[in-house]
Protein backbone atom coordinates (compact mmCIF):
# COMPACT_ATOMS: atom_id res chain seq x y z
CA MET A 1 -9.48 27.63 54.22
CA ALA A 2 -6.89 25.00 54.06
CA ARG A 3 -5.60 24.14 50.64
CA GLN A 4 -5.54 20.40 49.67
CA ASN A 5 -2.38 18.98 48.61
CA PHE A 6 -2.77 16.29 45.82
CA GLY A 7 0.13 13.96 46.34
CA GLY A 8 2.62 16.84 46.35
CA PHE A 9 0.83 18.68 43.53
CA GLY A 10 -0.96 21.76 43.90
CA GLY A 11 -4.16 22.39 42.08
CA GLY A 12 -2.51 24.51 39.15
CA ASN A 13 0.28 21.78 38.89
CA MET A 14 -2.48 19.09 38.58
CA GLN A 15 -4.24 21.06 35.88
CA GLN A 16 -0.93 21.61 34.13
CA LEU A 17 0.20 17.83 34.40
CA MET A 18 -3.44 16.94 32.93
CA ARG A 19 -2.91 19.35 30.03
CA GLN A 20 0.62 17.67 29.31
CA ALA A 21 -0.97 14.24 29.35
CA GLN A 22 -3.77 15.23 26.68
CA LYS A 23 -0.76 16.78 24.54
CA MET A 24 1.07 13.64 24.72
CA GLN A 25 -1.90 11.46 23.96
CA GLN A 26 -2.68 13.82 20.95
CA GLN A 27 1.08 13.57 19.84
CA LEU A 28 1.14 9.87 20.29
CA GLN A 29 -1.97 9.42 18.15
CA GLU A 30 -0.79 11.78 15.44
CA THR A 31 2.44 9.87 15.24
CA GLN A 32 0.61 6.42 15.01
CA GLU A 33 -1.46 7.85 12.29
CA LYS A 34 1.71 9.13 10.28
CA LEU A 35 3.43 5.78 10.76
CA GLN A 36 0.31 3.78 9.58
CA GLU A 37 0.21 5.78 6.42
CA ALA A 38 3.99 5.69 5.66
CA GLU A 39 5.19 3.30 3.01
CA TYR A 40 8.51 1.34 3.11
CA GLU A 41 10.19 -0.13 0.28
CA ALA A 42 12.63 -2.94 -0.30
CA SER A 43 14.17 -5.05 -3.05
CA SER A 44 16.01 -8.41 -3.63
CA GLY A 45 18.04 -9.91 -6.34
CA GLY A 46 19.57 -6.62 -7.43
CA GLY A 47 16.54 -4.82 -7.80
CA MET A 48 14.85 -7.76 -9.64
CA VAL A 49 11.98 -7.87 -7.12
CA SER A 50 10.61 -4.66 -5.43
CA VAL A 51 7.96 -4.30 -2.97
CA LYS A 52 6.25 -1.53 -0.74
CA VAL A 53 4.54 -2.24 2.52
CA ASN A 54 2.61 0.23 4.50
CA GLY A 55 2.66 1.10 8.40
CA LYS A 56 0.12 -1.50 8.66
CA HIS A 57 2.45 -4.18 7.50
CA GLU A 58 0.17 -4.58 4.29
CA LEU A 59 1.80 -5.55 0.97
CA VAL A 60 0.81 -2.53 -1.19
CA SER A 61 3.08 -3.06 -4.37
CA LEU A 62 4.95 -5.80 -6.00
CA THR A 63 7.09 -5.40 -8.88
CA ILE A 64 8.93 -8.34 -10.73
CA ASP A 65 11.44 -7.89 -13.37
CA PRO A 66 10.36 -10.22 -16.35
CA GLN A 67 13.95 -11.37 -16.54
CA VAL A 68 13.73 -13.04 -13.14
CA VAL A 69 10.69 -15.21 -14.10
CA ASP A 70 12.13 -18.71 -14.98
CA PRO A 71 9.56 -21.33 -15.20
CA GLU A 72 12.11 -23.69 -14.38
CA ASP A 73 13.17 -22.04 -10.99
CA ILE A 74 9.99 -20.65 -9.28
CA GLU A 75 11.82 -21.30 -6.07
CA MET A 76 14.24 -18.60 -6.70
CA LEU A 77 11.42 -16.14 -7.48
CA GLN A 78 9.66 -17.22 -4.27
CA ASP A 79 12.80 -16.65 -2.39
CA LEU A 80 13.35 -13.20 -3.69
CA ILE A 81 9.68 -12.08 -3.13
CA LEU A 82 10.10 -13.12 0.55
CA ALA A 83 13.28 -11.53 0.94
CA ALA A 84 11.98 -8.16 -0.33
CA VAL A 85 8.69 -8.40 1.71
CA ASN A 86 10.48 -9.30 4.93
CA GLU A 87 12.93 -6.39 4.52
CA ALA A 88 10.32 -3.99 3.84
CA VAL A 89 8.14 -5.12 6.87
CA ARG A 90 11.45 -5.06 8.94
CA LYS A 91 12.01 -1.28 7.90
CA GLY A 92 8.75 -0.41 8.75
CA ALA A 93 8.80 -2.01 12.20
CA GLU A 94 12.02 -0.21 12.78
CA ALA A 95 10.70 3.29 11.96
CA GLN A 96 7.64 2.59 14.16
CA GLU A 97 9.96 1.72 17.07
CA ALA A 98 12.19 4.70 16.62
CA ALA A 99 9.39 6.94 16.38
CA MET A 100 7.90 5.45 19.61
CA SER A 101 10.98 5.48 21.52
CA LYS A 102 11.49 9.21 20.68
CA MET A 103 8.21 9.94 22.42
CA ALA A 104 8.37 7.78 25.53
CA PRO A 105 11.66 8.74 27.00
CA GLY A 106 11.27 12.52 27.10
CA MET A 107 7.83 12.06 28.37
CA GLY A 108 8.60 10.31 31.27
CA MET A 109 6.55 7.19 30.33
CA GLY A 110 9.00 4.83 31.70
CA GLY A 111 8.63 1.34 30.03
CA LEU A 112 4.93 2.11 29.22
CA PHE A 113 5.76 1.55 25.48
C-alpha cells in the first residue's frame, strides 16, 4: 500500500509538528498569563509620585508624597502623575513585547505576532 505524503511531511512528522504547535500554544498562553499578572513601577518628581500598573495596563497603586501637594500648583501634581503612569505603562508594554518577540523567532512564526 502506498504511503501518503502530506506536503512533504510523513505521517510521523505531521504528528510531531502538531505536538510542537500544541506546546507552542501552551507556552504562549502561559507567557501571556504571567505578563498580565506582572506589575511595573515608575516614579516621577524624584520619587514624589510613584505608581504601579499591571500587565493589563490597569493602575493598581498610586503614592503621592504629601510634600508635593501644593493647592496653588495642582497642574504640577497632575503632570507628575501622568508622567509616572505613562512610564509604568511603557515599561509594561516593553516587557510584553520583549517576551513575545523571544517566543516568535525561535518558533518559526514569522510575522505572526
